[in-house]
Amino acid sequence: MRIEPKNIKEYPWYLRPFFSAQRKKYGSILNSSLLWARSPRLFLGLSVLYGALDRKTSPISRALRSLIIVRVSQLNGCAFCIDLNSSILLERGVPLSKVEELGIWKQSKLFTDEEKIILEFTEAVTITEKSVSEDLFKRLKIFFNDDEIIELTATIAFQNMSTKFNTALKIPSQGFCSTSAYP
């Protein structure tokens, strides 16, 4: 990492419950969180936004949201994000074979038409040289209503921010997933 986390005792007391929850869920505190938490207000804002996007009542399934997140992570080359989010994708019931073929989703027979359109949208939003064409948007609307498209776009944008933060600071993988979901 380009910047080291602070000693855990140096973080404000009100962030410690977040760290405790991560230790319980993942077995350790996420390195990315420790760096975001160097600016407590940014960390709290990020946590609120992430919670809003990954809520159980989202109109987008948890598995589909995780599929999007791993694909954005692959496109931006974020080892930490690929590692963590591939493990979450598996926990959410996506088969290992699908996780392993995510980098070649266009050629794979494992992805549904709905998944393929959202992965195409994910790439159009993420890759700077691409854009969301009217044709792509019309095809997206076959599967998703306006509110769902807002949720999808927000998830993609959030993950792009997260992966850019992590790759710029060279946050390494923490060994959460034994499979390599790199494209």
Protein backbone atom coordinates (compact mmCIF):
# COMPACT_ATOMS: atom_id res chain seq x y z
CA MET A 1 0.00 0.00 0.00
CA ARG A 2 1.15 3.49 -0.77
CA ILE A 3 -0.26 4.83 2.51
CA GLU A 4 -0.28 2.77 5.66
CA PRO A 5 -3.28 2.57 7.96
CA LYS A 6 -3.06 4.26 11.33
CA ASN A 7 -2.75 2.27 14.51
CA ILE A 8 -6.30 1.09 15.30
CA LYS A 9 -6.30 3.11 18.54
CA GLU A 10 -5.72 6.32 16.57
CA TYR A 11 -9.09 6.15 14.82
CA PRO A 12 -12.06 7.90 16.44
CA TRP A 13 -14.06 5.78 18.83
CA TYR A 14 -17.20 6.06 16.71
CA LEU A 15 -15.56 4.17 13.82
CA ARG A 16 -14.67 1.16 15.96
CA PRO A 17 -18.13 -0.47 15.63
CA PHE A 18 -17.63 -0.50 11.84
CA PHE A 19 -14.25 -2.16 12.29
CA SER A 20 -15.68 -4.66 14.77
CA ALA A 21 -18.44 -5.61 12.31
CA GLN A 22 -15.85 -6.15 9.58
CA ARG A 23 -13.73 -8.34 11.86
CA LYS A 24 -16.82 -10.41 12.61
CA LYS A 25 -17.90 -10.70 8.98
CA TYR A 26 -14.54 -11.06 7.20
CA GLY A 27 -12.16 -12.17 9.95
CA SER A 28 -10.22 -8.90 9.69
CA ILE A 29 -10.70 -5.20 9.12
CA LEU A 30 -10.66 -4.29 5.43
CA ASN A 31 -7.49 -2.44 4.46
CA SER A 32 -9.53 -0.19 2.21
CA SER A 33 -11.72 0.84 5.16
CA LEU A 34 -8.69 1.64 7.26
CA LEU A 35 -7.48 4.05 4.59
CA TRP A 36 -10.88 5.65 4.00
CA ALA A 37 -11.19 6.02 7.79
CA ARG A 38 -8.09 8.22 7.89
CA SER A 39 -10.71 10.81 6.94
CA PRO A 40 -13.59 9.85 9.26
CA ARG A 41 -16.19 12.03 7.53
CA LEU A 42 -15.38 10.48 4.14
CA PHE A 43 -15.55 7.01 5.67
CA LEU A 44 -18.93 7.69 7.28
CA GLY A 45 -20.33 9.14 4.04
CA LEU A 46 -19.00 6.20 2.07
CA SER A 47 -20.52 3.76 4.57
CA VAL A 48 -23.94 5.42 4.35
CA LEU A 49 -23.84 5.38 0.54
CA TYR A 50 -22.71 1.74 0.42
CA GLY A 51 -25.46 0.78 2.88
CA ALA A 52 -28.06 2.52 0.73
CA LEU A 53 -26.86 0.71 -2.39
CA ASP A 54 -26.49 -2.74 -0.84
CA ARG A 55 -29.73 -2.77 1.12
CA LYS A 56 -31.95 -5.85 1.21
CA THR A 57 -34.89 -3.86 -0.19
CA SER A 58 -33.08 -2.82 -3.37
CA PRO A 59 -35.06 -3.57 -6.52
CA ILE A 60 -31.89 -5.19 -7.92
CA SER A 61 -31.02 -8.64 -6.60
CA ARG A 62 -27.99 -8.99 -4.34
CA ALA A 63 -26.39 -11.46 -6.74
CA LEU A 64 -26.80 -9.12 -9.73
CA ARG A 65 -25.37 -6.19 -7.75
CA SER A 66 -22.36 -8.31 -6.82
CA LEU A 67 -21.92 -9.43 -10.43
CA ILE A 68 -21.76 -5.77 -11.46
CA ILE A 69 -19.31 -4.95 -8.67
CA VAL A 70 -16.91 -7.76 -9.59
CA ARG A 71 -17.02 -6.81 -13.28
CA VAL A 72 -16.23 -3.14 -12.52
CA SER A 73 -13.42 -4.37 -10.27
CA GLN A 74 -12.02 -6.48 -13.10
CA LEU A 75 -12.23 -3.64 -15.60
CA ASN A 76 -10.37 -1.31 -13.24
CA GLY A 77 -7.83 -3.93 -12.15
CA CYS A 78 -8.57 -3.71 -8.43
CA ALA A 79 -7.12 -6.86 -6.85
CA PHE A 80 -8.59 -6.02 -3.44
CA CYS A 81 -12.09 -5.52 -4.88
CA ILE A 82 -11.98 -8.62 -7.08
CA ASP A 83 -10.88 -10.72 -4.12
CA LEU A 84 -13.43 -9.42 -1.61
CA ASN A 85 -16.37 -9.12 -3.99
CA SER A 86 -15.81 -12.50 -5.67
CA SER A 87 -16.14 -14.10 -2.24
CA ILE A 88 -19.38 -12.14 -1.67
CA LEU A 89 -20.63 -13.15 -5.13
CA LEU A 90 -20.10 -16.81 -4.22
CA GLU A 91 -21.85 -16.29 -0.86
CA ARG A 92 -24.82 -14.86 -2.74
CA GLY A 93 -25.27 -18.11 -4.63
CA VAL A 94 -23.52 -17.42 -7.92
CA PRO A 95 -21.75 -20.61 -9.07
CA LEU A 96 -17.96 -20.66 -9.12
CA SER A 97 -18.00 -21.42 -12.87
CA LYS A 98 -19.87 -18.16 -13.53
CA VAL A 99 -17.47 -16.16 -11.34
CA GLU A 100 -14.54 -17.64 -13.25
CA GLU A 101 -16.10 -16.80 -16.63
CA LEU A 102 -17.14 -13.26 -15.76
CA GLY A 103 -14.15 -11.84 -17.65
CA ILE A 104 -15.34 -13.59 -20.81
CA TRP A 105 -19.08 -13.14 -20.27
CA LYS A 106 -19.73 -12.29 -23.93
CA GLN A 107 -18.54 -15.73 -25.07
CA SER A 108 -19.92 -17.64 -22.08
CA LYS A 109 -23.17 -19.57 -22.18
CA LEU A 110 -23.53 -19.26 -18.38
CA PHE A 111 -25.01 -15.76 -18.39
CA THR A 112 -28.68 -14.94 -18.92
CA ASP A 113 -29.86 -12.27 -21.36
CA GLU A 114 -30.61 -10.00 -18.39
CA GLU A 115 -27.09 -10.48 -17.00
CA LYS A 116 -25.54 -9.89 -20.40
CA ILE A 117 -27.35 -6.59 -20.93
CA ILE A 118 -26.38 -5.32 -17.49
CA LEU A 119 -22.75 -6.38 -18.03
CA GLU A 120 -22.76 -4.54 -21.36
CA PHE A 121 -24.19 -1.47 -19.57
CA THR A 122 -21.57 -1.86 -16.82
CA GLU A 123 -18.78 -1.81 -19.38
CA ALA A 124 -20.27 1.16 -21.25
CA VAL A 125 -20.44 3.18 -18.03
CA THR A 126 -17.00 2.07 -16.77
CA ILE A 127 -14.78 2.14 -19.85
CA THR A 128 -13.96 5.74 -20.69
CA GLU A 129 -13.78 5.14 -24.45
CA LYS A 130 -17.31 3.71 -24.48
CA SER A 131 -20.64 5.34 -23.91
CA VAL A 132 -24.21 4.25 -23.30
CA SER A 133 -25.84 4.33 -26.72
CA GLU A 134 -29.55 4.82 -27.26
CA ASP A 135 -29.75 1.23 -28.54
CA LEU A 136 -28.10 -0.13 -25.38
CA PHE A 137 -30.40 1.98 -23.20
CA LYS A 138 -33.49 0.70 -25.04
CA ARG A 139 -32.32 -2.89 -24.58
CA LEU A 140 -31.65 -2.22 -20.88
CA LYS A 141 -35.22 -0.94 -20.48
CA ILE A 142 -36.55 -4.32 -21.66
CA PHE A 143 -35.32 -5.80 -18.37
CA PHE A 144 -35.25 -2.83 -15.97
CA ASN A 145 -37.58 0.06 -15.15
CA ASP A 146 -36.38 3.64 -14.59
CA ASP A 147 -35.91 3.27 -10.82
CA GLU A 148 -33.95 0.05 -11.28
CA ILE A 149 -31.73 1.74 -13.88
CA ILE A 150 -30.97 4.48 -11.34
CA GLU A 151 -29.95 1.79 -8.82
CA LEU A 152 -27.82 -0.04 -11.38
CA THR A 153 -26.09 3.13 -12.51
CA ALA A 154 -25.43 4.22 -8.92
CA THR A 155 -23.94 0.79 -8.11
CA ILE A 156 -21.64 0.98 -11.13
CA ALA A 157 -20.59 4.55 -10.29
CA PHE A 158 -19.94 3.71 -6.64
CA GLN A 159 -17.81 0.72 -7.54
CA ASN A 160 -15.85 2.77 -10.06
CA MET A 161 -15.05 5.27 -7.29
CA SER A 162 -14.09 2.50 -4.90
CA THR A 163 -11.84 0.68 -7.36
CA LYS A 164 -10.13 3.89 -8.43
CA PHE A 165 -9.40 4.71 -4.77
CA ASN A 166 -8.03 1.23 -4.08
CA THR A 167 -5.90 0.94 -7.21
CA ALA A 168 -4.43 4.44 -6.81
CA LEU A 169 -3.34 3.51 -3.28
CA LYS A 170 -2.29 -0.03 -4.30
CA ILE A 171 -4.45 -1.78 -1.73
CA PRO A 172 -3.65 -5.49 -2.10
CA SER A 173 -6.00 -8.43 -1.97
CA GLN A 174 -6.58 -9.83 1.52
CA GLY A 175 -7.12 -13.47 0.51
CA PHE A 176 -10.90 -13.68 0.83
CA CYS A 177 -11.52 -15.73 -2.33
CA SER A 178 -9.51 -18.70 -3.52
CA THR A 179 -10.59 -18.32 -7.14
CA SER A 180 -9.13 -15.86 -9.54
CA ALA A 181 -11.83 -13.82 -11.24
CA TYR A 182 -9.33 -11.83 -13.26
CA PRO A 183 -10.29 -11.55 -16.92
